[in-house]
Amino acid sequence: MDEEKMILSLEPVPGYRRVFHIVVIVAVLYLGFVFLKPFL
């Protein structure tokens, strides 16, 4: 059987990486606040 390799190529969306990093930073800060709240 001849199988073809399928390549999934996506064009990068401008600004996506920056938004991703901001969301991750906000999530980490929020979790830090939630976990440290009992000690404050």
Protein backbone atom coordinates (compact mmCIF):
# COMPACT_ATOMS: atom_id res chain seq x y z
CA MET A 1 0.00 0.00 0.00
CA ASP A 2 1.32 3.43 -0.93
CA GLU A 3 0.71 5.86 1.88
CA GLU A 4 1.04 9.58 1.33
CA LYS A 5 2.52 11.77 4.01
CA MET A 6 0.10 14.50 4.90
CA ILE A 7 1.60 17.77 6.04
CA LEU A 8 -0.46 20.14 8.12
CA SER A 9 0.82 23.64 7.59
CA LEU A 10 -0.68 26.57 9.40
CA GLU A 11 0.12 30.19 8.82
CA PRO A 12 1.25 31.89 12.04
CA VAL A 13 -1.26 34.35 13.43
CA PRO A 14 0.38 37.66 14.30
CA GLY A 15 0.11 38.50 18.00
CA TYR A 16 -0.89 35.00 19.06
CA ARG A 17 2.38 34.28 20.87
CA ARG A 18 2.19 37.53 22.86
CA VAL A 19 -1.42 36.87 23.91
CA PHE A 20 -0.50 33.30 24.90
CA HIS A 21 2.35 34.55 27.11
CA ILE A 22 0.14 37.18 28.74
CA VAL A 23 -2.56 34.60 29.51
CA VAL A 24 0.01 32.21 31.03
CA ILE A 25 1.53 34.98 33.17
CA VAL A 26 -1.90 36.08 34.42
CA ALA A 27 -2.82 32.46 35.22
CA VAL A 28 0.41 31.91 37.19
CA LEU A 29 -0.04 35.14 39.13
CA TYR A 30 -3.65 34.25 39.93
CA LEU A 31 -2.70 30.77 41.14
CA GLY A 32 0.09 32.25 43.23
CA PHE A 33 -2.38 34.68 44.80
CA VAL A 34 -4.89 31.91 45.52
CA PHE A 35 -2.29 29.63 47.11
CA LEU A 36 -0.62 32.39 49.15
CA LYS A 37 -3.85 34.07 50.32
CA PRO A 38 -4.12 31.97 53.53
CA PHE A 39 -0.62 33.09 54.57
CA LEU A 40 -1.26 36.81 54.04
